[in-house]
């Protein structure tokens, strides 16, 4: 009986360990968190003094990876950060387009 409980506990913890390994093995996240995270949070959603977020700014930009070049001069680091932020940028773009469609229907 004890071995079944132990095996169940181990099985429950494995997904948590795998997720943590995946997150810490992402070089773009590590670079972004250490160099940009204090001002923008780890997910780039912290509001800036003008009320926007880095994600919103990047989502509105035609070439967000090049926009990152203003702060990240190393091309490889910039590309890794872009790969990390890209899914979040796409979600932001989708969110903005949905909000725009709703606003246009209300007019």
PDB file of N, CA and C in Angstrom:
ATOM      1  N   UNK A   1       0.817  -1.189   0.000  1.00  0.00           N
ATOM      2  CA  UNK A   1       0.000   0.000   0.000  1.00  0.00           C
ATOM      3  C   UNK A   1       0.870   1.266   0.000  1.00  0.00           C
ATOM      4  N   UNK A   2       1.939   1.252   0.819  1.00  0.00           N
ATOM      5  CA  UNK A   2       2.841   2.402   0.884  1.00  0.00           C
ATOM      6  C   UNK A   2       3.509   2.651  -0.463  1.00  0.00           C
ATOM      7  N   UNK A   3       3.862   1.584  -1.158  1.00  0.00           N
ATOM      8  CA  UNK A   3       4.525   1.744  -2.450  1.00  0.00           C
ATOM      9  C   UNK A   3       3.586   2.355  -3.495  1.00  0.00           C
ATOM     10  N   UNK A   4       2.313   2.061  -3.403  1.00  0.00           N
ATOM     11  CA  UNK A   4       1.335   2.646  -4.336  1.00  0.00           C
ATOM     12  C   UNK A   4       1.208   4.142  -4.071  1.00  0.00           C
ATOM     13  N   UNK A   5       1.134   4.514  -2.811  1.00  0.00           N
ATOM     14  CA  UNK A   5       1.038   5.940  -2.460  1.00  0.00           C
ATOM     15  C   UNK A   5       2.303   6.668  -2.899  1.00  0.00           C
ATOM     16  N   UNK A   6       3.466   6.066  -2.651  1.00  0.00           N
ATOM     17  CA  UNK A   6       4.729   6.673  -3.051  1.00  0.00           C
ATOM     18  C   UNK A   6       4.805   6.853  -4.570  1.00  0.00           C
ATOM     19  N   UNK A   7       4.421   5.828  -5.298  1.00  0.00           N
ATOM     20  CA  UNK A   7       4.446   5.897  -6.764  1.00  0.00           C
ATOM     21  C   UNK A   7       3.486   6.972  -7.277  1.00  0.00           C
ATOM     22  N   UNK A   8       2.333   7.095  -6.648  1.00  0.00           N
ATOM     23  CA  UNK A   8       1.359   8.117  -7.036  1.00  0.00           C
ATOM     24  C   UNK A   8       1.922   9.520  -6.796  1.00  0.00           C
ATOM     25  N   UNK A   9       2.591   9.704  -5.678  1.00  0.00           N
ATOM     26  CA  UNK A   9       3.182  11.005  -5.369  1.00  0.00           C
ATOM     27  C   UNK A   9       4.279  11.354  -6.362  1.00  0.00           C
ATOM     28  N   UNK A  10       5.111  10.400  -6.703  1.00  0.00           N
ATOM     29  CA  UNK A  10       6.179  10.631  -7.679  1.00  0.00           C
ATOM     30  C   UNK A  10       5.575  10.988  -9.037  1.00  0.00           C
ATOM     31  N   UNK A  11       4.557  10.247  -9.448  1.00  0.00           N
ATOM     32  CA  UNK A  11       3.905  10.514 -10.729  1.00  0.00           C
ATOM     33  C   UNK A  11       3.282  11.902 -10.760  1.00  0.00           C
ATOM     34  N   UNK A  12       2.763  12.353  -9.633  1.00  0.00           N
ATOM     35  CA  UNK A  12       2.149  13.685  -9.566  1.00  0.00           C
ATOM     36  C   UNK A  12       3.193  14.792  -9.658  1.00  0.00           C
ATOM     37  N   UNK A  13       4.392  14.549  -9.169  1.00  0.00           N
ATOM     38  CA  UNK A  13       5.437  15.568  -9.169  1.00  0.00           C
ATOM     39  C   UNK A  13       6.218  15.644 -10.482  1.00  0.00           C
ATOM     40  N   UNK A  14       6.230  14.614 -11.265  1.00  0.00           N
ATOM     41  CA  UNK A  14       7.003  14.601 -12.508  1.00  0.00           C
ATOM     42  C   UNK A  14       6.629  15.731 -13.461  1.00  0.00           C
ATOM     43  N   UNK A  15       5.347  15.987 -13.741  1.00  0.00           N
ATOM     44  CA  UNK A  15       5.025  17.093 -14.650  1.00  0.00           C
ATOM     45  C   UNK A  15       5.546  18.436 -14.151  1.00  0.00           C
ATOM     46  N   UNK A  16       5.558  18.672 -12.846  1.00  0.00           N
ATOM     47  CA  UNK A  16       6.069  19.926 -12.303  1.00  0.00           C
ATOM     48  C   UNK A  16       7.561  20.051 -12.560  1.00  0.00           C
ATOM     49  N   UNK A  17       8.283  18.978 -12.382  1.00  0.00           N
ATOM     50  CA  UNK A  17       9.721  19.000 -12.602  1.00  0.00           C
ATOM     51  C   UNK A  17      10.032  19.228 -14.080  1.00  0.00           C
ATOM     52  N   UNK A  18       9.306  18.591 -14.987  1.00  0.00           N
ATOM     53  CA  UNK A  18       9.532  18.762 -16.413  1.00  0.00           C
ATOM     54  C   UNK A  18       9.239  20.189 -16.841  1.00  0.00           C
ATOM     55  N   UNK A  19       8.169  20.798 -16.319  1.00  0.00           N
ATOM     56  CA  UNK A  19       7.829  22.172 -16.670  1.00  0.00           C
ATOM     57  C   UNK A  19       8.922  23.120 -16.206  1.00  0.00           C
ATOM     58  N   UNK A  20       9.427  22.926 -14.996  1.00  0.00           N
ATOM     59  CA  UNK A  20      10.475  23.785 -14.471  1.00  0.00           C
ATOM     60  C   UNK A  20      11.732  23.672 -15.322  1.00  0.00           C
ATOM     61  N   UNK A  21      12.098  22.466 -15.720  1.00  0.00           N
ATOM     62  CA  UNK A  21      13.266  22.266 -16.570  1.00  0.00           C
ATOM     63  C   UNK A  21      13.093  22.978 -17.897  1.00  0.00           C
ATOM     64  N   UNK A  22      11.905  22.903 -18.481  1.00  0.00           N
ATOM     65  CA  UNK A  22      11.646  23.568 -19.757  1.00  0.00           C
ATOM     66  C   UNK A  22      11.786  25.071 -19.615  1.00  0.00           C
ATOM     67  N   UNK A  23      11.242  25.635 -18.547  1.00  0.00           N
ATOM     68  CA  UNK A  23      11.303  27.074 -18.364  1.00  0.00           C
ATOM     69  C   UNK A  23      12.722  27.555 -18.143  1.00  0.00           C
ATOM     70  N   UNK A  24      13.492  26.852 -17.353  1.00  0.00           N
ATOM     71  CA  UNK A  24      14.840  27.299 -17.060  1.00  0.00           C
ATOM     72  C   UNK A  24      15.792  27.007 -18.209  1.00  0.00           C
ATOM     73  N   UNK A  25      15.422  26.135 -19.117  1.00  0.00           N
ATOM     74  CA  UNK A  25      16.304  25.837 -20.242  1.00  0.00           C
ATOM     75  C   UNK A  25      16.043  26.763 -21.423  1.00  0.00           C
ATOM     76  N   UNK A  26      15.130  27.715 -21.291  1.00  0.00           N
ATOM     77  CA  UNK A  26      14.823  28.664 -22.361  1.00  0.00           C
ATOM     78  C   UNK A  26      15.780  29.853 -22.238  1.00  0.00           C
ATOM     79  N   UNK A  27      16.778  29.923 -23.125  1.00  0.00           N
ATOM     80  CA  UNK A  27      17.758  31.010 -23.002  1.00  0.00           C
ATOM     81  C   UNK A  27      17.132  32.389 -23.199  1.00  0.00           C
ATOM     82  N   UNK A  28      16.128  32.508 -24.056  1.00  0.00           N
ATOM     83  CA  UNK A  28      15.476  33.795 -24.275  1.00  0.00           C
ATOM     84  C   UNK A  28      14.800  34.301 -23.023  1.00  0.00           C
ATOM     85  N   UNK A  29      14.149  33.398 -22.306  1.00  0.00           N
ATOM     86  CA  UNK A  29      13.489  33.791 -21.059  1.00  0.00           C
ATOM     87  C   UNK A  29      14.527  34.216 -20.029  1.00  0.00           C
ATOM     88  N   UNK A  30      15.620  33.469 -19.934  1.00  0.00           N
ATOM     89  CA  UNK A  30      16.663  33.804 -18.972  1.00  0.00           C
ATOM     90  C   UNK A  30      17.256  35.184 -19.263  1.00  0.00           C
ATOM     91  N   UNK A  31      17.508  35.469 -20.530  1.00  0.00           N
ATOM     92  CA  UNK A  31      18.063  36.781 -20.914  1.00  0.00           C
ATOM     93  C   UNK A  31      17.046  37.877 -20.610  1.00  0.00           C
ATOM     94  N   UNK A  32      15.805  37.660 -21.028  1.00  0.00           N
ATOM     95  CA  UNK A  32      14.775  38.678 -20.836  1.00  0.00           C
ATOM     96  C   UNK A  32      14.544  38.939 -19.352  1.00  0.00           C
ATOM     97  N   UNK A  33      14.426  37.885 -18.576  1.00  0.00           N
ATOM     98  CA  UNK A  33      14.157  38.043 -17.149  1.00  0.00           C
ATOM     99  C   UNK A  33      15.284  38.790 -16.455  1.00  0.00           C
ATOM    100  N   UNK A  34      16.512  38.456 -16.777  1.00  0.00           N
ATOM    101  CA  UNK A  34      17.640  39.088 -16.086  1.00  0.00           C
ATOM    102  C   UNK A  34      17.904  40.509 -16.564  1.00  0.00           C
ATOM    103  N   UNK A  35      17.692  40.788 -17.832  1.00  0.00           N
ATOM    104  CA  UNK A  35      18.064  42.103 -18.357  1.00  0.00           C
ATOM    105  C   UNK A  35      16.895  43.051 -18.553  1.00  0.00           C
ATOM    106  N   UNK A  36      15.704  42.519 -18.710  1.00  0.00           N
ATOM    107  CA  UNK A  36      14.552  43.363 -19.022  1.00  0.00           C
ATOM    108  C   UNK A  36      13.431  43.246 -17.990  1.00  0.00           C
ATOM    109  N   UNK A  37      13.443  42.155 -17.246  1.00  0.00           N
ATOM    110  CA  UNK A  37      12.345  41.823 -16.348  1.00  0.00           C
ATOM    111  C   UNK A  37      12.085  42.809 -15.236  1.00  0.00           C
ATOM    112  N   UNK A  38      13.102  43.535 -14.794  1.00  0.00           N
ATOM    113  CA  UNK A  38      12.868  44.469 -13.697  1.00  0.00           C
ATOM    114  C   UNK A  38      11.922  45.595 -14.111  1.00  0.00           C
ATOM    115  N   UNK A  39      12.001  46.025 -15.335  1.00  0.00           N
ATOM    116  CA  UNK A  39      11.114  47.096 -15.806  1.00  0.00           C
ATOM    117  C   UNK A  39       9.848  46.560 -16.468  1.00  0.00           C
ATOM    118  N   UNK A  40       9.927  45.369 -17.064  1.00  0.00           N
ATOM    119  CA  UNK A  40       8.813  44.863 -17.869  1.00  0.00           C
ATOM    120  C   UNK A  40       8.144  43.613 -17.310  1.00  0.00           C
ATOM    121  N   UNK A  41       8.597  43.076 -16.195  1.00  0.00           N
ATOM    122  CA  UNK A  41       8.154  41.797 -15.635  1.00  0.00           C
ATOM    123  C   UNK A  41       8.591  40.659 -16.554  1.00  0.00           C
ATOM    124  N   UNK A  42       8.550  39.454 -16.051  1.00  0.00           N
ATOM    125  CA  UNK A  42       9.027  38.290 -16.802  1.00  0.00           C
ATOM    126  C   UNK A  42       8.183  38.004 -18.034  1.00  0.00           C
ATOM    127  N   UNK A  43       6.926  38.456 -18.034  1.00  0.00           N
ATOM    128  CA  UNK A  43       6.058  38.213 -19.195  1.00  0.00           C
ATOM    129  C   UNK A  43       5.800  39.483 -20.008  1.00  0.00           C
ATOM    130  N   UNK A  44       6.570  40.525 -19.778  1.00  0.00           N
ATOM    131  CA  UNK A  44       6.508  41.787 -20.529  1.00  0.00           C
ATOM    132  C   UNK A  44       5.155  42.478 -20.443  1.00  0.00           C
ATOM    133  N   UNK A  45       4.418  42.237 -19.371  1.00  0.00           N
ATOM    134  CA  UNK A  45       3.080  42.811 -19.272  1.00  0.00           C
ATOM    135  C   UNK A  45       2.965  43.965 -18.277  1.00  0.00           C
ATOM    136  N   UNK A  46       4.055  44.347 -17.663  1.00  0.00           N
ATOM    137  CA  UNK A  46       4.015  45.436 -16.687  1.00  0.00           C
ATOM    138  C   UNK A  46       3.740  46.760 -17.398  1.00  0.00           C
ATOM    139  N   UNK A  47       2.798  47.515 -16.866  1.00  0.00           N
ATOM    140  CA  UNK A  47       2.472  48.809 -17.470  1.00  0.00           C
ATOM    141  C   UNK A  47       3.621  49.788 -17.244  1.00  0.00           C
ATOM    142  N   UNK A  48       3.927  50.512 -18.300  1.00  0.00           N
ATOM    143  CA  UNK A  48       4.976  51.511 -18.265  1.00  0.00           C
ATOM    144  C   UNK A  48       4.354  52.872 -17.929  1.00  0.00           C
ATOM    145  N   UNK A  49       5.170  53.881 -17.679  1.00  0.00           N
ATOM    146  CA  UNK A  49       4.618  55.184 -17.288  1.00  0.00           C
ATOM    147  C   UNK A  49       3.565  55.750 -18.254  1.00  0.00           C
ATOM    148  N   UNK A  50       3.669  55.430 -19.541  1.00  0.00           N
ATOM    149  CA  UNK A  50       2.684  55.953 -20.495  1.00  0.00           C
ATOM    150  C   UNK A  50       1.429  55.078 -20.586  1.00  0.00           C
ATOM    151  N   UNK A  51       1.353  54.029 -19.767  1.00  0.00           N
ATOM    152  CA  UNK A  51       0.168  53.170 -19.728  1.00  0.00           C
ATOM    153  C   UNK A  51       0.199  51.979 -20.674  1.00  0.00           C
ATOM    154  N   UNK A  52       1.203  51.910 -21.534  1.00  0.00           N
ATOM    155  CA  UNK A  52       1.315  50.772 -22.448  1.00  0.00           C
ATOM    156  C   UNK A  52       2.196  49.698 -21.806  1.00  0.00           C
ATOM    157  N   UNK A  53       2.333  48.595 -22.502  1.00  0.00           N
ATOM    158  CA  UNK A  53       3.253  47.537 -22.078  1.00  0.00           C
ATOM    159  C   UNK A  53       4.225  47.277 -23.211  1.00  0.00           C
ATOM    160  N   UNK A  54       5.320  46.621 -22.893  1.00  0.00           N
ATOM    161  CA  UNK A  54       6.272  46.252 -23.935  1.00  0.00           C
ATOM    162  C   UNK A  54       5.598  45.352 -24.964  1.00  0.00           C
ATOM    163  N   UNK A  55       4.756  44.436 -24.507  1.00  0.00           N
ATOM    164  CA  UNK A  55       4.063  43.542 -25.443  1.00  0.00           C
ATOM    165  C   UNK A  55       3.211  44.330 -26.431  1.00  0.00           C
ATOM    166  N   UNK A  56       2.481  45.321 -25.940  1.00  0.00           N
ATOM    167  CA  UNK A  56       1.642  46.121 -26.829  1.00  0.00           C
ATOM    168  C   UNK A  56       2.494  46.887 -27.845  1.00  0.00           C
ATOM    169  N   UNK A  57       3.590  47.437 -27.365  1.00  0.00           N
ATOM    170  CA  UNK A  57       4.483  48.169 -28.282  1.00  0.00           C
ATOM    171  C   UNK A  57       5.038  47.244 -29.362  1.00  0.00           C
ATOM    172  N   UNK A  58       5.483  46.060 -28.943  1.00  0.00           N
ATOM    173  CA  UNK A  58       6.045  45.116 -29.910  1.00  0.00           C
ATOM    174  C   UNK A  58       4.979  44.594 -30.861  1.00  0.00           C
ATOM    175  N   UNK A  59       3.765  44.391 -30.368  1.00  0.00           N
ATOM    176  CA  UNK A  59       2.678  43.881 -31.206  1.00  0.00           C
ATOM    177  C   UNK A  59       2.304  44.883 -32.294  1.00  0.00           C
ATOM    178  N   UNK A  60       2.440  46.151 -32.010  1.00  0.00           N
ATOM    179  CA  UNK A  60       2.100  47.184 -32.998  1.00  0.00           C
ATOM    180  C   UNK A  60       3.231  47.430 -33.988  1.00  0.00           C
ATOM    181  N   UNK A  61       4.405  46.925 -33.698  1.00  0.00           N
ATOM    182  CA  UNK A  61       5.568  47.156 -34.541  1.00  0.00           C
ATOM    183  C   UNK A  61       5.622  46.132 -35.673  1.00  0.00           C
ATOM    184  N   UNK A  62       5.987  46.572 -36.870  1.00  0.00           N
ATOM    185  CA  UNK A  62       6.075  45.658 -38.018  1.00  0.00           C
ATOM    186  C   UNK A  62       7.223  44.668 -37.876  1.00  0.00           C
ATOM    187  N   UNK A  63       8.294  45.066 -37.216  1.00  0.00           N
ATOM    188  CA  UNK A  63       9.445  44.182 -37.022  1.00  0.00           C
ATOM    189  C   UNK A  63       9.854  44.208 -35.556  1.00  0.00           C
ATOM    190  N   UNK A  64       9.120  43.466 -34.721  1.00  0.00           N
ATOM    191  CA  UNK A  64       9.404  43.533 -33.280  1.00  0.00           C
ATOM    192  C   UNK A  64      10.809  43.076 -32.901  1.00  0.00           C
ATOM    193  N   UNK A  65      11.369  42.160 -33.667  1.00  0.00           N
ATOM    194  CA  UNK A  65      12.723  41.720 -33.326  1.00  0.00           C
ATOM    195  C   UNK A  65      13.715  42.865 -33.488  1.00  0.00           C
ATOM    196  N   UNK A  66      13.564  43.654 -34.515  1.00  0.00           N
ATOM    197  CA  UNK A  66      14.462  44.793 -34.700  1.00  0.00           C
ATOM    198  C   UNK A  66      14.191  45.879 -33.657  1.00  0.00           C
ATOM    199  N   UNK A  67      12.961  45.985 -33.210  1.00  0.00           N
ATOM    200  CA  UNK A  67      12.624  46.944 -32.147  1.00  0.00           C
ATOM    201  C   UNK A  67      13.389  46.592 -30.873  1.00  0.00           C
ATOM    202  N   UNK A  68      13.595  45.316 -30.635  1.00  0.00           N
ATOM    203  CA  UNK A  68      14.360  44.883 -29.472  1.00  0.00           C
ATOM    204  C   UNK A  68      15.823  45.305 -29.565  1.00  0.00           C
ATOM    205  N   UNK A  69      16.294  45.614 -30.770  1.00  0.00           N
ATOM    206  CA  UNK A  69      17.691  45.994 -30.978  1.00  0.00           C
ATOM    207  C   UNK A  69      18.042  47.305 -30.289  1.00  0.00           C
ATOM    208  N   UNK A  70      17.036  48.089 -29.921  1.00  0.00           N
ATOM    209  CA  UNK A  70      17.348  49.340 -29.224  1.00  0.00           C
ATOM    210  C   UNK A  70      17.978  49.071 -27.863  1.00  0.00           C
ATOM    211  N   UNK A  71      17.695  47.906 -27.279  1.00  0.00           N
ATOM    212  CA  UNK A  71      18.257  47.561 -25.968  1.00  0.00           C
ATOM    213  C   UNK A  71      19.172  46.340 -26.013  1.00  0.00           C
ATOM    214  N   UNK A  72      18.891  45.414 -26.906  1.00  0.00           N
ATOM    215  CA  UNK A  72      19.677  44.180 -26.994  1.00  0.00           C
ATOM    216  C   UNK A  72      20.553  44.232 -28.239  1.00  0.00           C
ATOM    217  N   UNK A  73      21.789  44.600 -28.053  1.00  0.00           N
ATOM    218  CA  UNK A  73      22.706  44.782 -29.187  1.00  0.00           C
ATOM    219  C   UNK A  73      23.222  43.462 -29.753  1.00  0.00           C
ATOM    220  N   UNK A  74      23.376  42.457 -28.911  1.00  0.00           N
ATOM    221  CA  UNK A  74      23.867  41.163 -29.367  1.00  0.00           C
ATOM    222  C   UNK A  74      22.764  40.469 -30.175  1.00  0.00           C
ATOM    223  N   UNK A  75      23.061  40.186 -31.439  1.00  0.00           N
ATOM    224  CA  UNK A  75      22.052  39.626 -32.349  1.00  0.00           C
ATOM    225  C   UNK A  75      21.523  38.268 -31.888  1.00  0.00           C
ATOM    226  N   UNK A  76      22.394  37.420 -31.385  1.00  0.00           N
ATOM    227  CA  UNK A  76      21.947  36.101 -30.929  1.00  0.00           C
ATOM    228  C   UNK A  76      21.050  36.211 -29.699  1.00  0.00           C
ATOM    229  N   UNK A  77      21.437  37.050 -28.757  1.00  0.00           N
ATOM    230  CA  UNK A  77      20.604  37.246 -27.566  1.00  0.00           C
ATOM    231  C   UNK A  77      19.250  37.839 -27.959  1.00  0.00           C
ATOM    232  N   UNK A  78      19.281  38.823 -28.844  1.00  0.00           N
ATOM    233  CA  UNK A  78      18.045  39.462 -29.305  1.00  0.00           C
ATOM    234  C   UNK A  78      17.115  38.431 -29.941  1.00  0.00           C
ATOM    235  N   UNK A  79      17.670  37.552 -30.762  1.00  0.00           N
ATOM    236  CA  UNK A  79      16.852  36.542 -31.424  1.00  0.00           C
ATOM    237  C   UNK A  79      16.269  35.567 -30.400  1.00  0.00           C
ATOM    238  N   UNK A  80      17.043  35.180 -29.407  1.00  0.00           N
ATOM    239  CA  UNK A  80      16.540  34.281 -28.362  1.00  0.00           C
ATOM    240  C   UNK A  80      15.399  34.944 -27.577  1.00  0.00           C
ATOM    241  N   UNK A  81      15.562  36.217 -27.266  1.00  0.00           N
ATOM    242  CA  UNK A  81      14.505  36.947 -26.554  1.00  0.00           C
ATOM    243  C   UNK A  81      13.266  37.055 -27.436  1.00  0.00           C
ATOM    244  N   UNK A  82      13.473  37.322 -28.716  1.00  0.00           N
ATOM    245  CA  UNK A  82      12.333  37.406 -29.632  1.00  0.00           C
ATOM    246  C   UNK A  82      11.582  36.078 -29.689  1.00  0.00           C
ATOM    247  N   UNK A  83      12.303  34.974 -29.760  1.00  0.00           N
ATOM    248  CA  UNK A  83      11.656  33.661 -29.777  1.00  0.00           C
ATOM    249  C   UNK A  83      10.846  33.427 -28.508  1.00  0.00           C
ATOM    250  N   UNK A  84      11.356  33.900 -27.393  1.00  0.00           N
ATOM    251  CA  UNK A  84      10.629  33.779 -26.128  1.00  0.00           C
ATOM    252  C   UNK A  84       9.363  34.646 -26.137  1.00  0.00           C
ATOM    253  N   UNK A  85       9.484  35.879 -26.638  1.00  0.00           N
ATOM    254  CA  UNK A  85       8.355  36.815 -26.613  1.00  0.00           C
ATOM    255  C   UNK A  85       7.345  36.607 -27.747  1.00  0.00           C
ATOM    256  N   UNK A  86       7.749  35.972 -28.817  1.00  0.00           N
ATOM    257  CA  UNK A  86       6.905  35.855 -30.010  1.00  0.00           C
ATOM    258  C   UNK A  86       5.500  35.317 -29.731  1.00  0.00           C
ATOM    259  N   UNK A  87       5.331  34.225 -28.988  1.00  0.00           N
ATOM    260  CA  UNK A  87       3.957  33.768 -28.736  1.00  0.00           C
ATOM    261  C   UNK A  87       3.128  34.788 -27.951  1.00  0.00           C
ATOM    262  N   UNK A  88       3.769  35.502 -27.035  1.00  0.00           N
ATOM    263  CA  UNK A  88       3.057  36.530 -26.269  1.00  0.00           C
ATOM    264  C   UNK A  88       2.677  37.712 -27.159  1.00  0.00           C
ATOM    265  N   UNK A  89       3.562  38.054 -28.087  1.00  0.00           N
ATOM    266  CA  UNK A  89       3.278  39.145 -29.034  1.00  0.00           C
ATOM    267  C   UNK A  89       2.084  38.766 -29.905  1.00  0.00           C
ATOM    268  N   UNK A  90       2.066  37.527 -30.384  1.00  0.00           N
ATOM    269  CA  UNK A  90       0.949  37.073 -31.221  1.00  0.00           C
ATOM    270  C   UNK A  90      -0.366  37.087 -30.452  1.00  0.00           C
ATOM    271  N   UNK A  91      -0.337  36.664 -29.194  1.00  0.00           N
ATOM    272  CA  UNK A  91      -1.554  36.723 -28.369  1.00  0.00           C
ATOM    273  C   UNK A  91      -2.028  38.165 -28.203  1.00  0.00           C
ATOM    274  N   UNK A  92      -1.087  39.073 -28.012  1.00  0.00           N
ATOM    275  CA  UNK A  92      -1.428  40.497 -27.869  1.00  0.00           C
ATOM    276  C   UNK A  92      -2.054  41.028 -29.161  1.00  0.00           C
ATOM    277  N   UNK A  93      -1.491  40.641 -30.285  1.00  0.00           N
ATOM    278  CA  UNK A  93      -2.059  41.076 -31.577  1.00  0.00           C
ATOM    279  C   UNK A  93      -3.481  40.539 -31.754  1.00  0.00           C
ATOM    280  N   UNK A  94      -3.696  39.286 -31.404  1.00  0.00           N
ATOM    281  CA  UNK A  94      -5.039  38.708 -31.489  1.00  0.00           C
ATOM    282  C   UNK A  94      -6.005  39.432 -30.560  1.00  0.00           C
ATOM    283  N   UNK A  95      -5.542  39.721 -29.372  1.00  0.00           N
ATOM    284  CA  UNK A  95      -6.373  40.420 -28.400  1.00  0.00           C
ATOM    285  C   UNK A  95      -6.759  41.806 -28.914  1.00  0.00           C
ATOM    286  N   UNK A  96      -5.797  42.520 -29.476  1.00  0.00           N
ATOM    287  CA  UNK A  96      -6.062  43.851 -30.021  1.00  0.00           C
ATOM    288  C   UNK A  96      -7.025  43.786 -31.203  1.00  0.00           C
ATOM    289  N   UNK A  97      -6.862  42.777 -32.074  1.00  0.00           N
ATOM    290  CA  UNK A  97      -7.751  42.680 -33.232  1.00  0.00           C
ATOM    291  C   UNK A  97      -9.169  42.333 -32.798  1.00  0.00           C
ATOM    292  N   UNK A  98      -9.303  41.507 -31.765  1.00  0.00           N
ATOM    293  CA  UNK A  98     -10.635  41.189 -31.246  1.00  0.00           C
ATOM    294  C   UNK A  98     -11.276  42.425 -30.642  1.00  0.00           C
ATOM    295  N   UNK A  99     -10.501  43.189 -29.890  1.00  0.00           N
ATOM    296  CA  UNK A  99     -11.036  44.398 -29.283  1.00  0.00           C
ATOM    297  C   UNK A  99     -11.452  45.400 -30.366  1.00  0.00           C
ATOM    298  N   UNK A 100     -10.669  45.467 -31.425  1.00  0.00           N
ATOM    299  CA  UNK A 100     -11.016  46.356 -32.543  1.00  0.00           C
ATOM    300  C   UNK A 100     -12.281  45.916 -33.234  1.00  0.00           C
ATOM    301  N   UNK A 101     -12.491  44.604 -33.397  1.00  0.00           N
ATOM    302  CA  UNK A 101     -13.710  44.114 -34.052  1.00  0.00           C
ATOM    303  C   UNK A 101     -14.943  44.402 -33.203  1.00  0.00           C
ATOM    304  N   UNK A 102     -14.800  44.235 -31.897  1.00  0.00           N
ATOM    305  CA  UNK A 102     -15.922  44.501 -31.005  1.00  0.00           C
ATOM    306  C   UNK A 102     -16.256  45.981 -31.033  1.00  0.00           C
ATOM    307  N   UNK A 103     -15.245  46.828 -31.005  1.00  0.00           N
ATOM    308  CA  UNK A 103     -15.466  48.275 -31.032  1.00  0.00           C
ATOM    309  C   UNK A 103     -16.135  48.706 -32.336  1.00  0.00           C
ATOM    310  N   UNK A 104     -15.739  48.106 -33.451  1.00  0.00           N
ATOM    311  CA  UNK A 104     -16.349  48.490 -34.737  1.00  0.00           C
ATOM    312  C   UNK A 104     -17.797  48.028 -34.824  1.00  0.00           C
ATOM    313  N   UNK A 105     -18.133  46.922 -34.198  1.00  0.00           N
ATOM    314  CA  UNK A 105     -19.530  46.464 -34.197  1.00  0.00           C
ATOM    315  C   UNK A 105     -20.419  47.341 -33.334  1.00  0.00           C
ATOM    316  N   UNK A 106     -19.832  47.963 -32.326  1.00  0.00           N
ATOM    317  CA  UNK A 106     -20.606  48.810 -31.428  1.00  0.00           C
ATOM    318  C   UNK A 106     -20.938  50.171 -32.037  1.00  0.00           C
ATOM    319  N   UNK A 107     -20.240  50.551 -33.089  1.00  0.00           N
ATOM    320  CA  UNK A 107     -20.475  51.873 -33.715  1.00  0.00           C
ATOM    321  C   UNK A 107     -21.730  51.905 -34.519  1.00  0.00           C
TER     322      UNK A 107
END
